[in-house]
């Protein structure tokens, strides 16, 4: 399977208050044929999750109003959405942040700034895992 078709139609949500990060993710994902959904904060993201039911969510830790840990916990507490993989985004690569993310229910952790390959590797890891469990 080639890189372009394996992720086609996959709904990827990026929740980050940084327009630079959202734009970078968009550039990286444009060639992958994913459907990309953006949100600039955790509150806005909640409505978009209900409307779009993403296949994977990347969420920034530090955001106004509702931070990434709080948003992650809310998503994971909901039985309809708890199986969606959540990847925490942070500019810190500390053990404490990763552990706190796990405690909030996140499935993985990606350090910013990330490359297109970093992003696609994690998406493939969870997309392929999901498709394997659905068969």
C-alpha atoms as a PDB file:
ATOM      1  CA  UNK A   1       0.000   0.000   0.000  1.00  0.00           C
ATOM      2  CA  UNK A   2       1.471   3.384  -0.876  1.00  0.00           C
ATOM      3  CA  UNK A   3       1.738   6.323   1.504  1.00  0.00           C
ATOM      4  CA  UNK A   4      -0.992   8.302  -0.230  1.00  0.00           C
ATOM      5  CA  UNK A   5      -3.773   5.727  -0.153  1.00  0.00           C
ATOM      6  CA  UNK A   6      -3.198   4.146   3.249  1.00  0.00           C
ATOM      7  CA  UNK A   7      -4.403   7.271   5.075  1.00  0.00           C
ATOM      8  CA  UNK A   8      -7.032   8.359   2.568  1.00  0.00           C
ATOM      9  CA  UNK A   9     -10.269   9.456   4.206  1.00  0.00           C
ATOM     10  CA  UNK A  10      -8.813   9.288   7.716  1.00  0.00           C
ATOM     11  CA  UNK A  11     -10.097  12.131   9.898  1.00  0.00           C
ATOM     12  CA  UNK A  12      -7.218  13.792  11.742  1.00  0.00           C
ATOM     13  CA  UNK A  13      -8.004  16.484  14.292  1.00  0.00           C
ATOM     14  CA  UNK A  14      -5.400  19.047  15.352  1.00  0.00           C
ATOM     15  CA  UNK A  15      -6.241  21.045  18.490  1.00  0.00           C
ATOM     16  CA  UNK A  16      -3.680  23.782  19.064  1.00  0.00           C
ATOM     17  CA  UNK A  17      -3.917  27.482  19.801  1.00  0.00           C
ATOM     18  CA  UNK A  18      -0.852  28.117  17.623  1.00  0.00           C
ATOM     19  CA  UNK A  19      -1.759  28.967  14.038  1.00  0.00           C
ATOM     20  CA  UNK A  20       1.823  28.037  13.084  1.00  0.00           C
ATOM     21  CA  UNK A  21       1.371  24.480  14.381  1.00  0.00           C
ATOM     22  CA  UNK A  22      -2.042  24.150  12.716  1.00  0.00           C
ATOM     23  CA  UNK A  23      -0.616  25.442   9.424  1.00  0.00           C
ATOM     24  CA  UNK A  24       2.417  23.096   9.643  1.00  0.00           C
ATOM     25  CA  UNK A  25       0.143  20.120  10.251  1.00  0.00           C
ATOM     26  CA  UNK A  26      -2.017  21.145   7.307  1.00  0.00           C
ATOM     27  CA  UNK A  27       1.021  21.372   5.020  1.00  0.00           C
ATOM     28  CA  UNK A  28       2.316  17.990   6.216  1.00  0.00           C
ATOM     29  CA  UNK A  29      -1.062  16.273   5.836  1.00  0.00           C
ATOM     30  CA  UNK A  30      -2.193  17.788   2.522  1.00  0.00           C
ATOM     31  CA  UNK A  31      -0.447  15.118   0.465  1.00  0.00           C
ATOM     32  CA  UNK A  32      -1.717  12.239   2.613  1.00  0.00           C
ATOM     33  CA  UNK A  33      -5.375  12.553   1.543  1.00  0.00           C
ATOM     34  CA  UNK A  34      -6.458  12.765   5.174  1.00  0.00           C
ATOM     35  CA  UNK A  35      -9.403  14.914   6.148  1.00  0.00           C
ATOM     36  CA  UNK A  36      -7.959  17.470   8.581  1.00  0.00           C
ATOM     37  CA  UNK A  37     -10.097  19.170  11.221  1.00  0.00           C
ATOM     38  CA  UNK A  38      -8.681  22.107  13.153  1.00  0.00           C
ATOM     39  CA  UNK A  39      -9.588  23.642  16.459  1.00  0.00           C
ATOM     40  CA  UNK A  40      -7.848  26.433  18.327  1.00  0.00           C
ATOM     41  CA  UNK A  41      -8.933  25.428  21.843  1.00  0.00           C
ATOM     42  CA  UNK A  42     -10.395  22.584  23.874  1.00  0.00           C
ATOM     43  CA  UNK A  43     -13.916  24.028  24.122  1.00  0.00           C
ATOM     44  CA  UNK A  44     -14.255  24.516  20.380  1.00  0.00           C
ATOM     45  CA  UNK A  45     -12.801  21.030  19.890  1.00  0.00           C
ATOM     46  CA  UNK A  46     -15.551  19.341  21.921  1.00  0.00           C
ATOM     47  CA  UNK A  47     -18.260  20.431  19.463  1.00  0.00           C
ATOM     48  CA  UNK A  48     -16.098  19.542  16.466  1.00  0.00           C
ATOM     49  CA  UNK A  49     -15.418  16.053  17.869  1.00  0.00           C
ATOM     50  CA  UNK A  50     -19.169  15.427  18.136  1.00  0.00           C
ATOM     51  CA  UNK A  51     -19.786  16.780  14.604  1.00  0.00           C
ATOM     52  CA  UNK A  52     -16.828  15.084  12.881  1.00  0.00           C
ATOM     53  CA  UNK A  53     -15.925  11.992  14.936  1.00  0.00           C
ATOM     54  CA  UNK A  54     -12.181  12.096  14.114  1.00  0.00           C
ATOM     55  CA  UNK A  55     -10.108   8.908  13.816  1.00  0.00           C
ATOM     56  CA  UNK A  56      -7.151  10.419  15.697  1.00  0.00           C
ATOM     57  CA  UNK A  57      -6.720  13.593  17.748  1.00  0.00           C
ATOM     58  CA  UNK A  58      -3.566  15.631  18.316  1.00  0.00           C
ATOM     59  CA  UNK A  59      -3.996  18.021  21.222  1.00  0.00           C
ATOM     60  CA  UNK A  60      -1.709  20.728  22.552  1.00  0.00           C
ATOM     61  CA  UNK A  61      -1.147  20.660  26.295  1.00  0.00           C
ATOM     62  CA  UNK A  62      -0.946  24.413  26.911  1.00  0.00           C
ATOM     63  CA  UNK A  63      -4.079  26.196  25.698  1.00  0.00           C
ATOM     64  CA  UNK A  64      -6.365  28.871  27.114  1.00  0.00           C
ATOM     65  CA  UNK A  65      -9.711  27.991  28.765  1.00  0.00           C
ATOM     66  CA  UNK A  66      -9.422  24.196  28.578  1.00  0.00           C
ATOM     67  CA  UNK A  67      -5.922  22.747  28.497  1.00  0.00           C
ATOM     68  CA  UNK A  68      -4.907  19.551  26.729  1.00  0.00           C
ATOM     69  CA  UNK A  69      -4.989  17.416  29.874  1.00  0.00           C
ATOM     70  CA  UNK A  70      -8.542  18.548  30.723  1.00  0.00           C
ATOM     71  CA  UNK A  71      -9.758  18.117  27.145  1.00  0.00           C
ATOM     72  CA  UNK A  72      -8.162  14.663  26.928  1.00  0.00           C
ATOM     73  CA  UNK A  73      -9.876  13.558  30.159  1.00  0.00           C
ATOM     74  CA  UNK A  74     -13.256  14.805  28.925  1.00  0.00           C
ATOM     75  CA  UNK A  75     -12.909  12.948  25.618  1.00  0.00           C
ATOM     76  CA  UNK A  76     -11.728   9.723  27.255  1.00  0.00           C
ATOM     77  CA  UNK A  77     -14.574   9.792  29.832  1.00  0.00           C
ATOM     78  CA  UNK A  78     -17.147   9.697  27.035  1.00  0.00           C
ATOM     79  CA  UNK A  79     -17.854   6.085  25.975  1.00  0.00           C
ATOM     80  CA  UNK A  80     -18.552   7.179  22.371  1.00  0.00           C
ATOM     81  CA  UNK A  81     -15.126   8.765  21.964  1.00  0.00           C
ATOM     82  CA  UNK A  82     -12.821   6.976  24.417  1.00  0.00           C
ATOM     83  CA  UNK A  83     -11.444   4.661  21.727  1.00  0.00           C
ATOM     84  CA  UNK A  84     -10.169   7.587  19.615  1.00  0.00           C
ATOM     85  CA  UNK A  85      -6.361   7.759  19.969  1.00  0.00           C
ATOM     86  CA  UNK A  86      -5.239  11.048  21.529  1.00  0.00           C
ATOM     87  CA  UNK A  87      -1.684  12.264  21.000  1.00  0.00           C
ATOM     88  CA  UNK A  88      -0.505  15.041  23.291  1.00  0.00           C
ATOM     89  CA  UNK A  89       1.513  17.839  21.666  1.00  0.00           C
ATOM     90  CA  UNK A  90       4.062  19.755  23.696  1.00  0.00           C
ATOM     91  CA  UNK A  91       7.230  21.725  23.253  1.00  0.00           C
ATOM     92  CA  UNK A  92       8.476  20.028  26.438  1.00  0.00           C
ATOM     93  CA  UNK A  93       9.927  16.553  26.208  1.00  0.00           C
ATOM     94  CA  UNK A  94       9.880  15.912  29.939  1.00  0.00           C
ATOM     95  CA  UNK A  95       9.009  12.679  31.672  1.00  0.00           C
ATOM     96  CA  UNK A  96       6.560  14.501  33.947  1.00  0.00           C
ATOM     97  CA  UNK A  97       4.549  15.873  31.003  1.00  0.00           C
ATOM     98  CA  UNK A  98       4.421  12.460  29.327  1.00  0.00           C
ATOM     99  CA  UNK A  99       3.322  10.776  32.567  1.00  0.00           C
ATOM    100  CA  UNK A 100       0.666  13.421  33.207  1.00  0.00           C
ATOM    101  CA  UNK A 101      -0.580  12.952  29.641  1.00  0.00           C
ATOM    102  CA  UNK A 102      -0.878   9.200  30.192  1.00  0.00           C
ATOM    103  CA  UNK A 103      -2.769   9.795  33.439  1.00  0.00           C
ATOM    104  CA  UNK A 104      -5.182  12.050  31.520  1.00  0.00           C
ATOM    105  CA  UNK A 105      -5.751   9.176  29.086  1.00  0.00           C
ATOM    106  CA  UNK A 106      -3.529  10.078  26.143  1.00  0.00           C
ATOM    107  CA  UNK A 107      -2.259   7.291  23.916  1.00  0.00           C
ATOM    108  CA  UNK A 108       0.999   8.910  22.822  1.00  0.00           C
ATOM    109  CA  UNK A 109       3.116  12.057  22.906  1.00  0.00           C
ATOM    110  CA  UNK A 110       4.649  14.165  20.156  1.00  0.00           C
ATOM    111  CA  UNK A 111       7.186  16.888  20.843  1.00  0.00           C
ATOM    112  CA  UNK A 112       6.914  20.193  18.973  1.00  0.00           C
ATOM    113  CA  UNK A 113       8.217  21.228  16.569  1.00  0.00           C
ATOM    114  CA  UNK A 114       7.491  18.009  14.693  1.00  0.00           C
ATOM    115  CA  UNK A 115       8.294  17.006  11.148  1.00  0.00           C
ATOM    116  CA  UNK A 116       5.828  15.739   8.590  1.00  0.00           C
ATOM    117  CA  UNK A 117       7.355  12.292   8.970  1.00  0.00           C
ATOM    118  CA  UNK A 118       6.872  12.411  12.779  1.00  0.00           C
ATOM    119  CA  UNK A 119       3.209  13.258  12.307  1.00  0.00           C
ATOM    120  CA  UNK A 120       2.579  10.646   9.613  1.00  0.00           C
ATOM    121  CA  UNK A 121       4.425   7.933  11.554  1.00  0.00           C
ATOM    122  CA  UNK A 122       2.122   8.362  14.555  1.00  0.00           C
ATOM    123  CA  UNK A 123      -0.976   8.580  12.348  1.00  0.00           C
ATOM    124  CA  UNK A 124       0.043   5.369  10.556  1.00  0.00           C
ATOM    125  CA  UNK A 125       0.733   3.622  13.862  1.00  0.00           C
ATOM    126  CA  UNK A 126      -2.787   4.293  15.148  1.00  0.00           C
ATOM    127  CA  UNK A 127      -4.649   4.150  11.808  1.00  0.00           C
ATOM    128  CA  UNK A 128      -3.169   0.782  10.957  1.00  0.00           C
ATOM    129  CA  UNK A 129      -3.824  -0.485  14.494  1.00  0.00           C
ATOM    130  CA  UNK A 130      -7.461   0.627  14.169  1.00  0.00           C
ATOM    131  CA  UNK A 131      -7.939  -1.012  10.772  1.00  0.00           C
ATOM    132  CA  UNK A 132      -6.372  -4.241  12.098  1.00  0.00           C
ATOM    133  CA  UNK A 133      -8.829  -4.378  15.008  1.00  0.00           C
ATOM    134  CA  UNK A 134     -11.797  -3.698  12.722  1.00  0.00           C
ATOM    135  CA  UNK A 135     -11.068  -6.736  10.512  1.00  0.00           C
END
